[in-house]
Amino acid sequence: MVGKILILFLVTLNAFANITVISDFDDTIKITNSAQFGERSYNSVFKNDLFFAQSFFWKSWRSTLSHLHLVSGTAKILAPAVQKTIQVNELQVDSVTLKPMFDGVDLYTYKFKVIKNLIDQTSDDIILIGDDVQQDPEVYAGLKAIYGERILATYIHVVSGREINVEVTKYFTTLDLALREFLAKRISQATIVKIFDDHLKASEEEMKLMFPSFAVCPKTPVHWAWQLKTSFWDEAFKLSSKINKYCLSGNSGI
C-alpha cells in the first residue's frame, strides 16, 4: 500500500513538472494601484503587501511547478524594492524582469518580447497570470495566438473592471485562482481546503487585502455562480455571501 501511494505521489508531481508560470507582479501578486502614479510610487517603494493568501498560494503551488518567472512593467530602478517584497513574502521565483527606463519601447511590445523569449527557452507548457489594469490581457492573447495549446491557461485578476475583448479567465480573489487550478488538477486538495478556510475566516483588515479600495469589489453573487457547481459548493456559498456583504457595505472605491 505504501509503495502504491508513493508511486501515485511521484506520478502526480511528474504531471506538474513540465509547467512554467509567467506572471505579472504589481496588482496581480502585490497590492500597488498601478493606475495612480502617486499611490503606485509609494506602494512600490514602501509597501510589501500581497493580495490576501497570495503568499501561501505561491508557496504551495511553486513546489509542483517547473519554473516561475515574474515579468513586470515596473521600472528597473525599483529592482531593490521588488526584491525586498519577494524576500519579505518568501516567494520562490526563478527570474524577475523589470522594464528599463527610457528605452523607448511601449509596455505591450516590452512584455510581449520578454515573455515570448521565456517561452521559447523552454519546452514546458505555460500558464500566464496578470491583471486588467494595463495590457496583460492583450499581450497574453497575442502569445496564445502563437503558441496555441501550449498556453494551458490565461488568468486575469480583475482590478479596474475594464472591458476585455480577448479570451481570458477572470478572477477576483486568490481563492478563485486556486480553485480554477484545483479543477484543472494542478494543485492539491489540501491547498484549496486551506485557502477556502483562510478566506472564510478572513478578518475585516484581511478583506481589505482581498479588495483594496481602488479595486473592483463584486456586489452581486453572479460572479461566484461557477463555484457553486464544484464539490466546494457549500464553502463557496458561504464565502460569496461574506464577500457580497463586505462589498455592499461600501468597502470598494469602485
Protein backbone atom coordinates (compact mmCIF):
# COMPACT_ATOMS: atom_id res chain seq x y z
CA MET A 1 0.00 0.00 0.00
CA VAL A 2 2.78 2.44 0.94
CA GLY A 3 4.52 1.67 -2.34
CA LYS A 4 1.35 2.43 -4.34
CA ILE A 5 0.88 5.74 -2.51
CA LEU A 6 4.49 6.72 -3.22
CA ILE A 7 4.12 5.87 -6.91
CA LEU A 8 0.89 7.91 -7.11
CA PHE A 9 2.64 10.84 -5.41
CA LEU A 10 5.57 10.71 -7.84
CA VAL A 11 3.26 10.45 -10.86
CA THR A 12 1.30 13.45 -9.58
CA LEU A 13 4.46 15.50 -9.18
CA ASN A 14 5.60 14.50 -12.66
CA ALA A 15 2.30 15.73 -14.10
CA PHE A 16 3.16 19.23 -12.87
CA ALA A 17 6.89 19.06 -13.57
CA ASN A 18 6.66 20.49 -17.09
CA ILE A 19 4.67 23.62 -16.36
CA THR A 20 6.14 27.12 -16.25
CA VAL A 21 4.14 30.04 -14.87
CA ILE A 22 4.84 33.56 -16.13
CA SER A 23 3.16 36.21 -14.02
CA ASP A 24 2.87 39.93 -13.72
CA PHE A 25 3.69 41.36 -10.28
CA ASP A 26 2.01 44.68 -9.48
CA ASP A 27 -1.76 44.37 -8.97
CA THR A 28 -1.50 40.67 -9.76
CA ILE A 29 0.52 39.50 -6.78
CA LYS A 30 1.42 42.74 -4.98
CA ILE A 31 -1.06 45.47 -3.98
CA THR A 32 0.20 48.51 -5.90
CA ASN A 33 -2.56 50.54 -7.63
CA SER A 34 -0.61 50.92 -10.87
CA ALA A 35 -3.24 53.22 -12.36
CA GLN A 36 -2.43 56.04 -9.90
CA PHE A 37 1.12 57.40 -10.14
CA GLY A 38 1.39 58.75 -6.60
CA GLU A 39 0.00 55.69 -4.80
CA ARG A 40 1.85 53.35 -7.17
CA SER A 41 5.15 55.05 -6.39
CA TYR A 42 4.57 54.94 -2.64
CA ASN A 43 3.41 51.31 -2.60
CA SER A 44 6.23 50.21 -4.89
CA VAL A 45 8.91 51.64 -2.61
CA PHE A 46 7.49 51.46 0.91
CA LYS A 47 4.90 48.66 0.98
CA ASN A 48 5.27 44.89 0.68
CA ASP A 49 1.63 43.80 0.92
CA LEU A 50 0.41 40.98 -1.30
CA PHE A 51 -3.21 40.29 -2.11
CA PHE A 52 -4.80 38.06 0.51
CA ALA A 53 -3.49 34.46 0.60
CA GLN A 54 -1.07 35.03 -2.29
CA SER A 55 1.95 34.11 -0.19
CA PHE A 56 0.53 30.73 0.84
CA PHE A 57 -0.82 30.05 -2.64
CA TRP A 58 2.54 30.59 -4.32
CA LYS A 59 4.49 28.66 -1.69
CA SER A 60 2.16 25.69 -2.13
CA TRP A 61 1.89 25.81 -5.91
CA ARG A 62 5.53 26.64 -6.61
CA SER A 63 6.76 23.28 -5.33
CA THR A 64 4.93 21.50 -8.16
CA LEU A 65 5.96 23.86 -10.97
CA SER A 66 9.00 23.70 -13.20
CA HIS A 67 9.62 27.46 -13.17
CA LEU A 68 8.07 30.75 -12.05
CA HIS A 69 9.05 33.93 -13.86
CA LEU A 70 7.87 37.45 -12.99
CA VAL A 71 7.63 39.94 -15.85
CA SER A 72 6.63 43.43 -14.73
CA GLY A 73 6.27 46.87 -16.26
CA THR A 74 7.80 48.30 -13.09
CA ALA A 75 10.85 50.43 -13.78
CA LYS A 76 14.17 48.62 -13.41
CA ILE A 77 15.37 51.31 -11.00
CA LEU A 78 12.91 49.86 -8.46
CA ALA A 79 14.53 46.41 -8.53
CA PRO A 80 15.68 46.60 -4.86
CA ALA A 81 12.12 47.33 -3.71
CA VAL A 82 10.73 44.48 -5.80
CA GLN A 83 13.33 42.08 -4.43
CA LYS A 84 12.53 43.18 -0.89
CA THR A 85 8.83 42.36 -1.39
CA ILE A 86 9.77 38.97 -2.80
CA GLN A 87 12.08 38.24 0.13
CA VAL A 88 9.70 39.50 2.83
CA ASN A 89 6.94 37.26 1.48
CA GLU A 90 9.31 34.33 0.85
CA LEU A 91 8.33 33.94 -2.80
CA GLN A 92 10.45 31.48 -4.75
CA VAL A 93 10.95 32.82 -8.25
CA ASP A 94 13.38 31.81 -10.99
CA SER A 95 13.67 35.24 -12.59
CA VAL A 96 12.37 38.79 -12.33
CA THR A 97 12.34 41.04 -15.39
CA LEU A 98 11.64 44.76 -14.98
CA LYS A 99 11.31 47.40 -17.68
CA PRO A 100 14.37 49.55 -18.46
CA MET A 101 13.70 53.28 -18.16
CA PHE A 102 13.82 55.50 -21.23
CA ASP A 103 14.17 52.54 -23.59
CA GLY A 104 11.59 53.96 -25.98
CA VAL A 105 9.66 50.68 -26.01
CA ASP A 106 5.95 50.67 -25.20
CA LEU A 107 4.67 48.35 -22.47
CA TYR A 108 2.92 45.93 -24.84
CA THR A 109 6.00 45.41 -27.00
CA TYR A 110 8.27 45.04 -23.97
CA LYS A 111 6.11 42.42 -22.25
CA PHE A 112 5.36 40.50 -25.42
CA LYS A 113 9.04 40.23 -26.33
CA VAL A 114 10.24 39.25 -22.86
CA ILE A 115 7.55 36.61 -22.34
CA LYS A 116 7.99 35.20 -25.84
CA ASN A 117 11.72 34.79 -25.18
CA LEU A 118 10.98 32.95 -21.92
CA ILE A 119 8.54 30.62 -23.66
CA ASP A 120 11.00 29.95 -26.48
CA GLN A 121 13.67 28.94 -23.97
CA THR A 122 11.62 26.07 -22.55
CA SER A 123 9.64 23.10 -23.79
CA ASP A 124 7.25 23.44 -20.84
CA ASP A 125 3.57 24.17 -21.14
CA ILE A 126 2.77 27.71 -19.96
CA ILE A 127 0.33 29.40 -17.60
CA LEU A 128 0.03 33.20 -17.85
CA ILE A 129 -1.23 35.33 -14.96
CA GLY A 130 -1.82 39.09 -15.00
CA ASP A 131 -4.37 41.82 -14.32
CA ASP A 132 -6.67 44.19 -16.18
CA VAL A 133 -5.03 47.46 -15.13
CA GLN A 134 -2.76 47.68 -18.17
CA GLN A 135 -2.27 45.43 -21.19
CA ASP A 136 -1.77 41.93 -19.83
CA PRO A 137 -4.95 40.53 -21.45
CA GLU A 138 -3.96 41.78 -24.88
CA VAL A 139 -0.32 40.69 -24.54
CA TYR A 140 -1.36 37.21 -23.43
CA ALA A 141 -3.92 36.91 -26.25
CA GLY A 142 -1.16 37.69 -28.74
CA LEU A 143 1.00 34.95 -27.26
CA LYS A 144 -1.88 32.48 -27.23
CA ALA A 145 -2.32 33.10 -30.96
CA ILE A 146 1.28 31.97 -31.50
CA TYR A 147 1.63 29.10 -29.04
CA GLY A 148 -1.90 27.73 -29.03
CA GLU A 149 -2.42 24.77 -26.70
CA ARG A 150 0.98 25.25 -25.05
CA ILE A 151 -0.72 28.06 -23.15
CA LEU A 152 -2.69 25.97 -20.67
CA ALA A 153 -4.47 28.92 -19.05
CA THR A 154 -4.57 32.71 -19.08
CA TYR A 155 -5.74 34.25 -15.82
CA ILE A 156 -6.53 37.94 -15.38
CA HIS A 157 -7.03 39.49 -11.93
CA VAL A 158 -9.99 41.89 -12.06
CA VAL A 159 -8.84 45.17 -10.52
CA SER A 160 -10.08 48.01 -12.73
CA GLY A 161 -13.04 46.12 -14.16
CA ARG A 162 -12.35 47.45 -17.65
CA GLU A 163 -13.86 45.73 -20.66
CA ILE A 164 -11.67 42.97 -22.02
CA ASN A 165 -12.24 41.93 -25.62
CA VAL A 166 -9.98 38.88 -25.69
CA GLU A 167 -10.47 35.39 -24.29
CA VAL A 168 -9.15 35.10 -20.74
CA THR A 169 -10.26 33.61 -17.42
CA LYS A 170 -11.01 36.40 -14.96
CA TYR A 171 -10.58 36.05 -11.21
CA PHE A 172 -11.24 38.33 -8.23
CA THR A 173 -9.55 36.55 -5.33
CA THR A 174 -6.71 34.14 -4.73
CA LEU A 175 -9.37 31.55 -3.96
CA ASP A 176 -10.82 31.97 -7.47
CA LEU A 177 -7.41 31.36 -9.00
CA ALA A 178 -6.61 28.41 -6.75
CA LEU A 179 -9.98 26.76 -7.35
CA ARG A 180 -9.54 27.02 -11.12
CA GLU A 181 -6.18 25.28 -10.80
CA PHE A 182 -7.62 22.65 -8.47
CA LEU A 183 -10.32 21.86 -11.04
CA ALA A 184 -7.56 21.58 -13.64
CA LYS A 185 -5.87 19.08 -11.28
CA ARG A 186 -2.76 21.20 -10.93
CA ILE A 187 -2.90 21.93 -7.19
CA SER A 188 -3.68 19.65 -4.27
CA GLN A 189 -6.94 19.34 -2.39
CA ALA A 190 -5.11 20.21 0.84
CA THR A 191 -4.07 23.54 -0.68
CA ILE A 192 -7.55 24.50 -1.82
CA VAL A 193 -9.09 23.46 1.53
CA LYS A 194 -6.61 25.70 3.36
CA ILE A 195 -7.24 28.65 1.06
CA PHE A 196 -11.00 28.30 1.40
CA ASP A 197 -10.65 28.16 5.18
CA ASP A 198 -8.44 31.26 5.25
CA HIS A 199 -10.90 33.22 3.11
CA LEU A 200 -13.88 32.18 5.20
CA LYS A 201 -12.08 33.24 8.40
CA ALA A 202 -10.67 36.48 6.95
CA SER A 203 -10.93 39.49 9.26
CA GLU A 204 -12.03 42.97 8.19
CA GLU A 205 -8.40 44.00 7.71
CA GLU A 206 -7.68 40.88 5.68
CA MET A 207 -10.70 41.57 3.48
CA LYS A 208 -9.00 44.83 2.55
CA LEU A 209 -6.12 42.75 1.22
CA MET A 210 -8.63 40.91 -0.98
CA PHE A 211 -10.29 44.07 -2.21
CA PRO A 212 -8.22 47.25 -1.72
CA SER A 213 -10.21 50.47 -2.01
CA PHE A 214 -9.04 51.02 -5.60
CA ALA A 215 -10.14 47.57 -6.82
CA VAL A 216 -13.47 46.23 -8.03
CA CYS A 217 -15.42 44.63 -5.19
CA PRO A 218 -18.26 42.45 -6.60
CA LYS A 219 -21.66 43.31 -5.18
CA THR A 220 -23.70 40.52 -6.76
CA PRO A 221 -23.44 36.72 -6.40
CA VAL A 222 -23.33 36.14 -10.17
CA HIS A 223 -19.51 36.23 -10.12
CA TRP A 224 -19.39 33.15 -7.90
CA ALA A 225 -22.04 31.03 -9.65
CA TRP A 226 -19.41 28.78 -11.25
CA GLN A 227 -18.01 27.89 -7.82
CA LEU A 228 -21.41 26.58 -6.71
CA LYS A 229 -21.11 23.87 -9.37
CA THR A 230 -17.98 22.41 -7.76
CA SER A 231 -17.57 19.97 -4.90
CA PHE A 232 -16.90 23.00 -2.68
CA TRP A 233 -20.34 24.47 -3.28
CA ASP A 234 -21.14 24.82 0.44
CA GLU A 235 -17.90 26.70 1.19
CA ALA A 236 -18.36 28.74 -1.98
CA PHE A 237 -21.88 29.78 -0.97
CA LYS A 238 -20.70 30.92 2.46
CA LEU A 239 -17.76 32.81 1.01
CA SER A 240 -19.77 34.52 -1.71
CA SER A 241 -22.25 35.70 0.94
CA LYS A 242 -19.39 37.06 3.02
CA ILE A 243 -17.81 38.87 0.07
CA ASN A 244 -21.10 40.34 -1.16
CA LYS A 245 -21.90 41.62 2.31
CA TYR A 246 -18.44 43.19 2.57
CA CYS A 247 -18.65 44.82 -0.85
CA LEU A 248 -22.18 46.11 -0.34
CA SER A 249 -21.09 47.78 2.89
CA GLY A 250 -19.15 50.32 0.80
CA ASN A 251 -15.65 48.93 1.12
CA SER A 252 -14.79 49.36 -2.56
CA GLY A 253 -13.84 52.54 -4.33
CA ILE A 254 -15.45 51.19 -7.50
